[in-house]
Amino acid sequence: MSTPLHILVQQLLFGRTEGLTAPQLAAFVDGWSSLLDLLERPDLCLPDASDEVREGLSALAQRIRQAQEEILEDDGG
């Protein structure tokens, strides 16, 4: 599947990690994972947001994680 979200996630995962040293790659992956964790917890970063916004951010994080899984499966196979 090649949606705009898939293309963006693929660019971020592969385009931004190309040529990184092992410590740099580890830092990138840690930051990427932390961002997704934060998006899944909008109550922490946007405590005054509406339920609609919170649900939207959580759904976005889930869609990004799904895209990431699909991209990494395609790349490995």
N, C-alpha and C. Protein backbone atom coordinates (compact mmCIF):
# COMPACT_ATOMS: atom_id res chain seq x y z
N MET A 1 0.86 -1.18 0.00
CA MET A 1 0.00 0.00 0.00
C MET A 1 0.90 1.24 0.00
N SER A 2 0.58 2.18 -0.82
CA SER A 2 1.41 3.38 -0.93
C SER A 2 0.54 4.63 -0.76
N THR A 3 0.16 4.90 0.46
CA THR A 3 -0.61 6.10 0.77
C THR A 3 0.38 7.23 1.06
N PRO A 4 -0.09 8.46 1.08
CA PRO A 4 0.81 9.56 1.45
C PRO A 4 1.46 9.34 2.82
N LEU A 5 0.71 8.77 3.76
CA LEU A 5 1.29 8.49 5.08
C LEU A 5 2.41 7.46 4.98
N HIS A 6 2.20 6.42 4.18
CA HIS A 6 3.24 5.41 3.99
C HIS A 6 4.50 6.05 3.38
N ILE A 7 4.30 6.90 2.41
CA ILE A 7 5.45 7.55 1.76
C ILE A 7 6.20 8.41 2.76
N LEU A 8 5.48 9.16 3.58
CA LEU A 8 6.11 10.00 4.59
C LEU A 8 6.87 9.17 5.61
N VAL A 9 6.24 8.12 6.11
CA VAL A 9 6.90 7.27 7.10
C VAL A 9 8.13 6.61 6.48
N GLN A 10 8.01 6.16 5.26
CA GLN A 10 9.15 5.53 4.59
C GLN A 10 10.30 6.52 4.44
N GLN A 11 10.01 7.74 4.04
CA GLN A 11 11.05 8.76 3.92
C GLN A 11 11.72 9.03 5.25
N LEU A 12 10.93 9.12 6.30
CA LEU A 12 11.50 9.38 7.62
C LEU A 12 12.32 8.20 8.13
N LEU A 13 11.83 7.00 7.92
CA LEU A 13 12.55 5.83 8.42
C LEU A 13 13.81 5.53 7.64
N PHE A 14 13.73 5.63 6.32
CA PHE A 14 14.88 5.24 5.50
C PHE A 14 15.71 6.44 5.04
N GLY A 15 15.04 7.49 4.60
CA GLY A 15 15.76 8.64 4.10
C GLY A 15 16.58 9.36 5.15
N ARG A 16 16.03 9.45 6.34
CA ARG A 16 16.74 10.16 7.41
C ARG A 16 17.74 9.30 8.15
N THR A 17 17.71 8.00 7.95
CA THR A 17 18.62 7.13 8.69
C THR A 17 19.81 6.68 7.86
N GLU A 18 19.74 6.93 6.56
CA GLU A 18 20.82 6.50 5.68
C GLU A 18 22.13 7.17 6.07
N GLY A 19 23.14 6.37 6.25
CA GLY A 19 24.47 6.89 6.55
C GLY A 19 24.71 7.23 8.02
N LEU A 20 23.75 6.96 8.87
CA LEU A 20 23.95 7.25 10.29
C LEU A 20 24.84 6.19 10.92
N THR A 21 25.61 6.62 11.89
CA THR A 21 26.40 5.67 12.66
C THR A 21 25.45 4.91 13.58
N ALA A 22 25.94 3.84 14.16
CA ALA A 22 25.10 3.04 15.06
C ALA A 22 24.53 3.88 16.21
N PRO A 23 25.34 4.70 16.89
CA PRO A 23 24.77 5.52 17.96
C PRO A 23 23.74 6.54 17.45
N GLN A 24 23.99 7.11 16.28
CA GLN A 24 23.04 8.06 15.71
C GLN A 24 21.73 7.37 15.34
N LEU A 25 21.83 6.18 14.78
CA LEU A 25 20.65 5.41 14.41
C LEU A 25 19.84 5.04 15.66
N ALA A 26 20.54 4.64 16.71
CA ALA A 26 19.86 4.30 17.96
C ALA A 26 19.13 5.52 18.52
N ALA A 27 19.76 6.68 18.44
CA ALA A 27 19.13 7.91 18.93
C ALA A 27 17.90 8.26 18.09
N PHE A 28 18.00 8.09 16.77
CA PHE A 28 16.87 8.37 15.90
C PHE A 28 15.70 7.45 16.23
N VAL A 29 15.96 6.16 16.33
CA VAL A 29 14.91 5.19 16.63
C VAL A 29 14.28 5.48 17.99
N ASP A 30 15.10 5.83 18.96
CA ASP A 30 14.58 6.16 20.28
C ASP A 30 13.68 7.39 20.21
N GLY A 31 14.10 8.40 19.49
CA GLY A 31 13.29 9.61 19.34
C GLY A 31 12.00 9.34 18.59
N TRP A 32 12.08 8.55 17.54
CA TRP A 32 10.91 8.17 16.74
C TRP A 32 9.90 7.44 17.62
N SER A 33 10.37 6.46 18.37
CA SER A 33 9.50 5.69 19.25
C SER A 33 8.89 6.57 20.34
N SER A 34 9.69 7.47 20.88
CA SER A 34 9.20 8.37 21.92
C SER A 34 8.11 9.30 21.38
N LEU A 35 8.28 9.77 20.16
CA LEU A 35 7.27 10.62 19.54
C LEU A 35 5.95 9.87 19.40
N LEU A 36 6.01 8.65 18.92
CA LEU A 36 4.78 7.86 18.77
C LEU A 36 4.14 7.58 20.13
N ASP A 37 4.96 7.29 21.12
CA ASP A 37 4.43 7.08 22.47
C ASP A 37 3.71 8.33 22.97
N LEU A 38 4.30 9.48 22.70
CA LEU A 38 3.71 10.74 23.13
C LEU A 38 2.39 11.02 22.39
N LEU A 39 2.37 10.75 21.09
CA LEU A 39 1.14 10.94 20.32
C LEU A 39 0.01 10.05 20.83
N GLU A 40 0.38 8.88 21.34
CA GLU A 40 -0.63 7.97 21.87
C GLU A 40 -1.11 8.40 23.26
N ARG A 41 -0.48 9.40 23.83
CA ARG A 41 -0.88 9.90 25.15
C ARG A 41 -1.14 11.40 25.10
N PRO A 42 -2.11 11.83 24.29
CA PRO A 42 -2.37 13.26 24.16
C PRO A 42 -2.83 13.91 25.46
N ASP A 43 -3.29 13.09 26.40
CA ASP A 43 -3.68 13.64 27.70
C ASP A 43 -2.48 14.24 28.42
N LEU A 44 -1.28 13.77 28.09
CA LEU A 44 -0.06 14.31 28.70
C LEU A 44 0.44 15.57 28.01
N CYS A 45 0.41 15.56 26.69
CA CYS A 45 0.98 16.72 25.97
C CYS A 45 -0.06 17.79 25.66
N LEU A 46 -1.33 17.43 25.63
CA LEU A 46 -2.40 18.39 25.37
C LEU A 46 -3.55 18.15 26.34
N PRO A 47 -3.33 18.41 27.62
CA PRO A 47 -4.35 18.08 28.62
C PRO A 47 -5.67 18.82 28.44
N ASP A 48 -5.64 19.98 27.82
CA ASP A 48 -6.87 20.76 27.64
C ASP A 48 -7.55 20.52 26.29
N ALA A 49 -7.01 19.60 25.51
CA ALA A 49 -7.58 19.33 24.19
C ALA A 49 -8.93 18.63 24.32
N SER A 50 -9.72 18.80 23.30
CA SER A 50 -11.03 18.13 23.27
C SER A 50 -10.83 16.62 23.10
N ASP A 51 -11.87 15.88 23.42
CA ASP A 51 -11.82 14.43 23.23
C ASP A 51 -11.58 14.09 21.76
N GLU A 52 -12.16 14.89 20.88
CA GLU A 52 -11.98 14.66 19.44
C GLU A 52 -10.51 14.78 19.04
N VAL A 53 -9.82 15.78 19.55
CA VAL A 53 -8.40 15.97 19.24
C VAL A 53 -7.59 14.82 19.82
N ARG A 54 -7.87 14.45 21.05
CA ARG A 54 -7.15 13.34 21.68
C ARG A 54 -7.33 12.04 20.90
N GLU A 55 -8.56 11.76 20.52
CA GLU A 55 -8.84 10.56 19.74
C GLU A 55 -8.14 10.61 18.39
N GLY A 56 -8.12 11.79 17.77
CA GLY A 56 -7.46 11.95 16.48
C GLY A 56 -5.97 11.69 16.56
N LEU A 57 -5.32 12.21 17.60
CA LEU A 57 -3.88 11.99 17.76
C LEU A 57 -3.57 10.52 18.03
N SER A 58 -4.39 9.90 18.85
CA SER A 58 -4.19 8.47 19.12
C SER A 58 -4.37 7.65 17.85
N ALA A 59 -5.37 7.98 17.07
CA ALA A 59 -5.61 7.27 15.81
C ALA A 59 -4.46 7.50 14.83
N LEU A 60 -3.94 8.72 14.79
CA LEU A 60 -2.80 9.02 13.92
C LEU A 60 -1.59 8.18 14.32
N ALA A 61 -1.31 8.11 15.60
CA ALA A 61 -0.17 7.31 16.06
C ALA A 61 -0.35 5.84 15.67
N GLN A 62 -1.56 5.33 15.80
CA GLN A 62 -1.81 3.94 15.41
C GLN A 62 -1.61 3.73 13.91
N ARG A 63 -2.06 4.71 13.12
CA ARG A 63 -1.88 4.61 11.66
C ARG A 63 -0.40 4.68 11.29
N ILE A 64 0.36 5.51 11.99
CA ILE A 64 1.81 5.60 11.73
C ILE A 64 2.48 4.28 12.09
N ARG A 65 2.13 3.73 13.23
CA ARG A 65 2.72 2.44 13.63
C ARG A 65 2.38 1.34 12.62
N GLN A 66 1.13 1.32 12.15
CA GLN A 66 0.74 0.33 11.15
C GLN A 66 1.51 0.52 9.86
N ALA A 67 1.65 1.75 9.42
CA ALA A 67 2.42 2.03 8.20
C ALA A 67 3.87 1.58 8.38
N GLN A 68 4.43 1.87 9.54
CA GLN A 68 5.81 1.49 9.84
C GLN A 68 5.97 -0.03 9.75
N GLU A 69 5.05 -0.76 10.35
CA GLU A 69 5.12 -2.23 10.31
C GLU A 69 5.04 -2.73 8.87
N GLU A 70 4.13 -2.18 8.08
CA GLU A 70 3.97 -2.61 6.70
C GLU A 70 5.21 -2.29 5.87
N ILE A 71 5.77 -1.12 6.08
CA ILE A 71 6.97 -0.71 5.32
C ILE A 71 8.14 -1.61 5.68
N LEU A 72 8.34 -1.87 6.96
CA LEU A 72 9.46 -2.70 7.38
C LEU A 72 9.28 -4.14 6.93
N GLU A 73 8.04 -4.64 6.89
CA GLU A 73 7.79 -5.97 6.36
C GLU A 73 8.11 -6.04 4.88
N ASP A 74 7.69 -5.01 4.12
CA ASP A 74 7.96 -4.98 2.68
C ASP A 74 9.45 -4.91 2.41
N ASP A 75 10.18 -4.12 3.21
CA ASP A 75 11.61 -3.94 2.99
C ASP A 75 12.38 -5.22 3.31
N GLY A 76 11.90 -5.96 4.28
CA GLY A 76 12.61 -7.17 4.69
C GLY A 76 12.30 -8.39 3.84
N GLY A 77 11.22 -8.31 3.04
CA GLY A 77 10.79 -9.49 2.29
C GLY A 77 11.17 -9.44 0.93
